[in-house]
Amino acid sequence: MAPAGWGRLVAALLAGAVVGGAVVWLVAVPRPGERESLHVRATATPSSRASGAIDASRWPNAKTTGVGDIQLIPNPVLRVTTPGEVIDGYEVHGDISVEADDVVIRRTRVVSDSHQGWGIIQRQGVGGLVIEDSEIVSTPGHKIDQAVLNFGGMLTVRRTNISGTADGVVTSHGLIEGNFIHDPSPGKDDHVDLIQAGSGPAAGLKLIIRNNTLFNQQEQTSAVGLFQDFGAPHDVLIEGNLLGGGGYSLYAGRGADDKHATSNIKVIGNVWTRQLFPKGGRWGPVNAWESAGRGNEWRDNVWLDTGRPVEP
C-alpha cells in the first residue's frame, strides 16, 4: 500500500497540478550513484503553476490501466504450458508461470498471498508473452519482488497497473507501453527499479519503454534502470514517459571503466516531475548517460512544471 499522503499527491499530479517546494527527508541518504537499499517518505508543499508547465493528465493512471470494473474469477497459482493460451478475467492469488510461446494474459489481477519472487514470469526458452489491461499488486506482509520477470524472448506489457512490488518489469527486451507503475515497496535488501534491464537485448530484439507513468516514491534506485550486470545496454528507446523519483529517475547504462560502451540508447520526449523530489530523483534526474556512445541520443526531455530542458 502507498504511504499516507502519496495517494493524494499522485492524484494531484495526474490531474495536471504542479507541486514543488520543501521536502522533508526522514532517513539518511546514500552518496550519489550508489544503488543503496534505503527508502523514505517525503512531503511537498503546493506552489502555483509555472509558466510552460505541461498537463500530466494525458499519461496513464489508475483509471486508464488495469482490469476495469469487471467480475474476476478466483484462481490459485497458474502454470501455463499450452502455446497461444489466453488467460482472461482471473484473479490469481500467487504467481503465473508462463512455459509456452505466445501466451496472452488479459484483464487479470495477480495478488500476492505469501512472500513470492515474482507475479508473472516468462521462463527461459519461450517468448511472445503479452500482458495487457491487468494488475499486479503486492500486499502488506506478502511482498512480490518482481511484478514481471522475463527470462525468455519477446515480452509485451501494456495498460497494466503495478504497485507495491520491489521491482516492476525486469527484462532486457520487449515493449513496455502505456502502464502505470508506482508506489514500490522494497524489503530490507531490495533495490527498486520500476523498469529494469541488466544487459542489452537478445539478438534481433530491442527494448522499447514508451508512454508510461513511472513514479518511484522511494529515494532509491530508479524509475528506469539500465545496468551492466550481464552486459552493456544497447538498442533501447525510452520515449514519451512521465517519470520521477528514485535515487536518479533514470540510470542510462554507462558502466565502470572496465565495462563496455552503451550504444543506440535513445531518450526522447520524456517528462520529469519534481513532485516526488525537487531534483526529479533524490540526487537528480539522470545518471550514467554516455553521450559519446555510438548512436546514443538525448532529445526533447523536459521538466513537467516548467517545460524547460532536462540535461543529462
Protein backbone atom coordinates (compact mmCIF):
# COMPACT_ATOMS: atom_id res chain seq x y z
CA MET A 1 0.00 0.00 0.00
CA ALA A 2 1.14 3.56 -0.61
CA PRO A 3 2.43 5.59 2.34
CA ALA A 4 -0.05 8.06 3.80
CA GLY A 5 -0.40 11.13 1.63
CA TRP A 6 1.01 9.64 -1.57
CA GLY A 7 -2.39 8.81 -3.00
CA ARG A 8 -3.39 12.47 -2.84
CA LEU A 9 -0.02 13.53 -4.25
CA VAL A 10 -0.26 11.21 -7.24
CA ALA A 11 -3.89 12.15 -7.84
CA ALA A 12 -2.96 15.83 -7.93
CA LEU A 13 -0.19 15.24 -10.43
CA LEU A 14 -2.32 13.15 -12.78
CA ALA A 15 -4.97 15.87 -12.69
CA GLY A 16 -2.40 18.30 -14.08
CA ALA A 17 -1.48 20.09 -10.85
CA VAL A 18 2.11 21.15 -10.21
CA VAL A 19 3.61 20.82 -6.77
CA GLY A 20 7.03 21.88 -5.57
CA GLY A 21 8.69 23.33 -2.55
CA ALA A 22 10.11 21.98 0.65
CA VAL A 23 10.73 18.29 1.12
CA VAL A 24 11.30 16.65 4.50
CA TRP A 25 13.76 13.73 4.47
CA LEU A 26 13.08 11.11 7.13
CA VAL A 27 16.22 8.94 6.90
CA ALA A 28 19.89 9.23 5.95
CA VAL A 29 20.69 9.01 2.23
CA PRO A 30 23.43 7.35 0.14
CA ARG A 31 26.14 9.10 -1.83
CA PRO A 32 25.34 9.98 -5.48
CA GLY A 33 25.50 6.99 -7.82
CA GLU A 34 25.11 4.33 -5.13
CA ARG A 35 22.43 1.68 -5.57
CA GLU A 36 21.57 1.66 -1.90
CA SER A 37 18.61 -0.05 -0.23
CA LEU A 38 17.29 2.90 1.74
CA HIS A 39 13.77 4.20 1.45
CA VAL A 40 12.00 7.31 2.59
CA ARG A 41 8.75 9.21 2.55
CA ALA A 42 8.58 12.87 1.66
CA THR A 43 6.03 15.66 1.80
CA ALA A 44 5.74 18.58 -0.56
CA THR A 45 4.10 21.98 -0.26
CA PRO A 46 1.95 23.33 -3.10
CA SER A 47 3.11 26.12 -5.38
CA SER A 48 1.47 27.92 -8.25
CA ARG A 49 1.65 26.57 -11.81
CA ALA A 50 4.81 27.75 -13.51
CA SER A 51 4.85 29.23 -16.99
CA GLY A 52 5.38 26.49 -19.57
CA ALA A 53 4.03 23.71 -17.31
CA ILE A 54 2.76 20.56 -19.01
CA ASP A 55 -0.61 18.93 -18.39
CA ALA A 56 0.04 15.49 -16.88
CA SER A 57 -3.47 14.13 -17.37
CA ARG A 58 -2.67 12.53 -20.74
CA TRP A 59 -0.36 9.91 -19.20
CA PRO A 60 -1.59 6.53 -17.93
CA ASN A 61 -3.20 6.46 -14.49
CA ALA A 62 -5.37 4.22 -12.34
CA LYS A 63 -8.44 4.92 -14.50
CA THR A 64 -6.80 4.09 -17.83
CA THR A 65 -4.88 0.96 -16.78
CA GLY A 66 -5.79 -2.27 -15.04
CA VAL A 67 -8.71 -4.67 -15.28
CA GLY A 68 -11.52 -2.15 -15.03
CA ASP A 69 -14.87 -2.83 -13.42
CA ILE A 70 -15.38 -6.50 -14.25
CA GLN A 71 -16.08 -9.61 -12.21
CA LEU A 72 -12.94 -11.71 -11.91
CA ILE A 73 -12.77 -15.49 -11.49
CA PRO A 74 -10.74 -16.55 -8.41
CA ASN A 75 -7.89 -18.88 -9.25
CA PRO A 76 -4.82 -20.21 -7.47
CA VAL A 77 -1.30 -20.29 -8.90
CA LEU A 78 -1.27 -20.81 -12.69
CA ARG A 79 1.24 -22.78 -14.76
CA VAL A 80 0.67 -22.12 -18.47
CA THR A 81 2.06 -24.82 -20.76
CA THR A 82 -0.13 -24.55 -23.88
CA PRO A 83 1.18 -22.33 -26.73
CA GLY A 84 -1.17 -19.46 -27.56
CA GLU A 85 -3.28 -19.89 -24.43
CA VAL A 86 -5.29 -16.83 -23.34
CA ILE A 87 -5.74 -16.15 -19.62
CA ASP A 88 -8.61 -13.67 -19.38
CA GLY A 89 -10.59 -12.36 -16.40
CA TYR A 90 -8.92 -14.10 -13.45
CA GLU A 91 -7.78 -13.06 -10.00
CA VAL A 92 -4.70 -15.14 -9.18
CA HIS A 93 -3.56 -15.32 -5.58
CA GLY A 94 0.01 -16.41 -6.16
CA ASP A 95 2.03 -16.31 -9.38
CA ILE A 96 1.67 -17.14 -13.06
CA SER A 97 4.46 -19.20 -14.65
CA VAL A 98 4.48 -18.95 -18.45
CA GLU A 99 6.16 -22.00 -20.01
CA ALA A 100 4.86 -21.82 -23.60
CA ASP A 101 5.09 -19.43 -26.54
CA ASP A 102 2.64 -16.65 -27.41
CA VAL A 103 0.62 -16.67 -24.20
CA VAL A 104 -1.76 -13.76 -23.56
CA ILE A 105 -2.66 -12.61 -20.04
CA ARG A 106 -5.53 -10.13 -20.23
CA ARG A 107 -7.78 -8.43 -17.66
CA THR A 108 -6.18 -10.44 -14.88
CA ARG A 109 -5.19 -9.37 -11.36
CA VAL A 110 -2.23 -11.03 -9.65
CA VAL A 111 -2.21 -10.60 -5.87
CA SER A 112 0.49 -11.94 -3.56
CA ASP A 113 -0.66 -14.35 -0.86
CA SER A 114 2.82 -15.02 0.54
CA HIS A 115 6.32 -13.65 0.02
CA GLN A 116 6.99 -14.63 -3.57
CA GLY A 117 9.73 -13.89 -6.08
CA TRP A 118 7.51 -12.66 -8.90
CA GLY A 119 3.97 -12.04 -10.03
CA ILE A 120 4.33 -13.23 -13.63
CA ILE A 121 7.40 -15.00 -15.02
CA GLN A 122 8.19 -15.91 -18.64
CA ARG A 123 10.57 -18.85 -18.50
CA GLN A 124 13.75 -19.30 -20.49
CA GLY A 125 13.25 -20.80 -23.93
CA VAL A 126 9.79 -19.37 -24.62
CA GLY A 127 8.67 -15.99 -25.95
CA GLY A 128 5.84 -13.83 -27.19
CA LEU A 129 4.13 -13.24 -23.84
CA VAL A 130 1.60 -10.38 -23.89
CA ILE A 131 0.29 -8.89 -20.62
CA GLU A 132 -2.40 -6.27 -21.09
CA ASP A 133 -5.13 -4.47 -19.14
CA SER A 134 -4.05 -6.26 -15.96
CA GLU A 135 -2.93 -5.53 -12.40
CA ILE A 136 -0.13 -6.84 -10.21
CA VAL A 137 -0.50 -5.92 -6.55
CA SER A 138 1.89 -6.66 -3.70
CA THR A 139 0.09 -6.59 -0.35
CA PRO A 140 1.46 -5.69 3.10
CA GLY A 141 3.36 -8.62 4.57
CA HIS A 142 3.03 -10.59 1.30
CA LYS A 143 5.59 -8.93 -0.92
CA ILE A 144 6.27 -9.56 -4.61
CA ASP A 145 9.90 -8.93 -5.55
CA GLN A 146 9.40 -8.52 -9.32
CA ALA A 147 5.98 -7.88 -10.81
CA VAL A 148 7.03 -9.21 -14.24
CA LEU A 149 10.25 -11.18 -14.68
CA ASN A 150 11.37 -12.19 -18.17
CA PHE A 151 13.94 -14.93 -18.74
CA GLY A 152 12.60 -15.64 -22.24
CA GLY A 153 12.15 -13.89 -25.56
CA MET A 154 9.80 -11.13 -26.68
CA LEU A 155 7.59 -9.59 -23.99
CA THR A 156 4.82 -7.01 -24.27
CA VAL A 157 3.32 -5.26 -21.22
CA ARG A 158 0.66 -2.64 -21.90
CA ARG A 159 -2.03 -0.76 -19.94
CA THR A 160 -1.13 -2.60 -16.74
CA ASN A 161 -1.23 -1.16 -13.21
CA ILE A 162 1.65 -2.34 -10.99
CA SER A 163 2.03 -1.28 -7.36
CA GLY A 164 3.62 -2.30 -4.09
CA THR A 165 6.36 -4.51 -5.58
CA ALA A 166 10.11 -4.03 -5.15
CA ASP A 167 10.70 -4.05 -8.94
CA GLY A 168 8.17 -3.54 -11.70
CA VAL A 169 9.11 -5.06 -15.07
CA VAL A 170 12.51 -6.78 -15.26
CA THR A 171 13.50 -7.53 -18.85
CA SER A 172 16.27 -6.68 -21.30
CA HIS A 173 13.95 -6.61 -24.33
CA GLY A 174 10.31 -6.10 -25.21
CA LEU A 175 7.64 -3.41 -25.48
CA ILE A 176 6.62 -1.75 -22.21
CA GLU A 177 3.90 0.73 -23.14
CA GLY A 178 1.06 2.67 -21.54
CA ASN A 179 1.50 1.33 -18.00
CA PHE A 180 1.09 2.90 -14.55
CA ILE A 181 3.88 1.63 -12.27
CA HIS A 182 4.00 3.27 -8.89
CA ASP A 183 4.33 3.10 -5.09
CA PRO A 184 7.04 0.43 -4.86
CA SER A 185 7.63 -1.24 -1.51
CA PRO A 186 11.12 -2.69 -1.08
CA GLY A 187 12.29 -5.09 1.57
CA LYS A 188 15.44 -4.61 3.62
CA ASP A 189 17.97 -5.53 0.92
CA ASP A 190 15.99 -4.69 -2.22
CA HIS A 191 16.91 -2.22 -4.91
CA VAL A 192 13.95 -0.51 -6.54
CA ASP A 193 13.62 -0.15 -10.31
CA LEU A 194 10.20 0.25 -11.87
CA ILE A 195 11.59 -0.92 -15.22
CA GLN A 196 14.97 -2.67 -15.13
CA ALA A 197 17.32 -4.12 -17.74
CA GLY A 198 20.54 -5.81 -16.68
CA SER A 199 22.06 -6.09 -20.16
CA GLY A 200 21.34 -5.47 -23.80
CA PRO A 201 18.50 -7.30 -25.60
CA ALA A 202 18.74 -10.72 -27.19
CA ALA A 203 19.80 -10.87 -30.82
CA GLY A 204 17.25 -9.29 -33.13
CA LEU A 205 15.24 -7.69 -30.32
CA LYS A 206 15.18 -4.27 -28.67
CA LEU A 207 13.73 -2.67 -25.56
CA ILE A 208 11.04 0.00 -26.04
CA ILE A 209 9.76 1.89 -22.98
CA ARG A 210 7.06 4.27 -24.19
CA ASN A 211 4.28 6.43 -22.73
CA ASN A 212 4.35 5.03 -19.20
CA THR A 213 3.74 6.77 -15.87
CA LEU A 214 6.62 5.76 -13.61
CA PHE A 215 6.54 7.11 -10.04
CA ASN A 216 9.15 5.74 -7.63
CA GLN A 217 8.37 7.30 -4.26
CA GLN A 218 11.45 5.67 -2.76
CA GLU A 219 14.73 7.57 -2.79
CA GLN A 220 16.49 4.59 -4.41
CA THR A 221 17.16 3.34 -7.15
CA SER A 222 15.29 4.40 -10.35
CA ALA A 223 12.13 4.70 -12.37
CA VAL A 224 14.05 3.26 -15.34
CA GLY A 225 17.32 1.43 -14.69
CA LEU A 226 19.67 0.26 -17.45
CA PHE A 227 22.59 -1.59 -15.87
CA GLN A 228 25.60 -3.69 -16.91
CA ASP A 229 25.06 -6.66 -14.60
CA PHE A 230 25.22 -9.11 -17.53
CA GLY A 231 26.39 -6.93 -20.43
CA ALA A 232 26.23 -3.43 -21.86
CA PRO A 233 22.77 -2.00 -22.60
CA HIS A 234 22.11 -1.22 -26.26
CA ASP A 235 19.19 -0.73 -28.64
CA VAL A 236 16.86 0.88 -26.12
CA LEU A 237 14.20 3.52 -26.86
CA ILE A 238 12.86 5.45 -23.85
CA GLU A 239 10.22 7.76 -25.26
CA GLY A 240 7.32 9.88 -24.04
CA ASN A 241 7.25 8.73 -20.41
CA LEU A 242 6.26 10.71 -17.31
CA LEU A 243 8.72 9.79 -14.59
CA GLY A 244 10.21 10.77 -11.29
CA GLY A 245 11.65 9.50 -8.04
CA GLY A 246 14.32 7.01 -7.08
CA GLY A 247 17.95 7.95 -6.41
CA TYR A 248 18.07 9.02 -10.05
CA SER A 249 14.92 8.70 -12.13
CA LEU A 250 16.96 7.25 -14.98
CA TYR A 251 20.12 5.18 -14.85
CA ALA A 252 21.14 5.32 -18.50
CA GLY A 253 23.51 2.38 -18.76
CA ARG A 254 27.10 3.61 -18.60
CA GLY A 255 29.26 1.26 -16.56
CA ALA A 256 32.63 1.50 -14.86
CA ASP A 257 35.83 1.96 -16.87
CA ASP A 258 36.20 -1.80 -17.35
CA LYS A 259 32.69 -2.15 -18.82
CA HIS A 260 31.65 -1.96 -22.46
CA ALA A 261 30.24 1.21 -24.02
CA THR A 262 26.49 1.61 -24.45
CA SER A 263 25.08 2.10 -27.96
CA ASN A 264 21.81 3.08 -29.60
CA ILE A 265 20.28 4.30 -26.34
CA LYS A 266 17.67 6.89 -27.33
CA VAL A 267 15.99 9.01 -24.65
CA ILE A 268 13.44 11.20 -26.43
CA GLY A 269 10.49 13.35 -25.38
CA ASN A 270 10.23 12.28 -21.74
CA VAL A 271 8.87 14.48 -18.96
CA TRP A 272 10.31 14.58 -15.44
CA THR A 273 8.28 15.62 -12.41
CA ARG A 274 9.75 17.36 -9.36
CA GLN A 275 6.69 16.41 -7.36
CA LEU A 276 8.32 13.43 -5.67
CA PHE A 277 11.77 15.03 -5.18
CA PRO A 278 12.91 18.57 -6.03
CA LYS A 279 15.62 17.23 -8.38
CA GLY A 280 13.37 14.66 -10.05
CA GLY A 281 15.14 11.82 -8.24
CA ARG A 282 16.72 12.18 -4.81
CA TRP A 283 20.07 13.06 -6.41
CA GLY A 284 18.92 14.20 -9.83
CA PRO A 285 17.00 13.27 -12.98
CA VAL A 286 19.61 11.06 -14.67
CA ASN A 287 22.87 9.27 -14.04
CA ALA A 288 25.25 7.17 -16.17
CA TRP A 289 24.38 8.78 -19.52
CA GLU A 290 27.06 8.10 -22.12
CA SER A 291 26.84 10.89 -24.67
CA ALA A 292 29.72 9.51 -26.74
CA GLY A 293 28.15 6.07 -27.17
CA ARG A 294 27.55 5.12 -30.80
CA GLY A 295 24.00 6.04 -31.80
CA ASN A 296 23.06 7.37 -28.36
CA GLU A 297 20.60 10.27 -28.50
CA TRP A 298 19.21 12.62 -25.83
CA ARG A 299 16.48 14.91 -27.18
CA ASP A 300 13.37 16.89 -26.15
CA ASN A 301 13.35 15.80 -22.49
CA VAL A 302 11.79 18.42 -20.21
CA TRP A 303 10.52 19.26 -16.73
CA LEU A 304 6.79 18.96 -16.10
CA ASP A 305 6.49 22.17 -14.09
CA THR A 306 8.36 24.49 -16.47
CA GLY A 307 8.75 22.77 -19.83
CA ARG A 308 12.47 23.56 -19.67
CA PRO A 309 15.05 21.00 -20.84
CA VAL A 310 16.31 18.22 -18.59
CA GLU A 311 20.05 17.92 -19.11
CA PRO A 312 21.96 14.65 -18.63
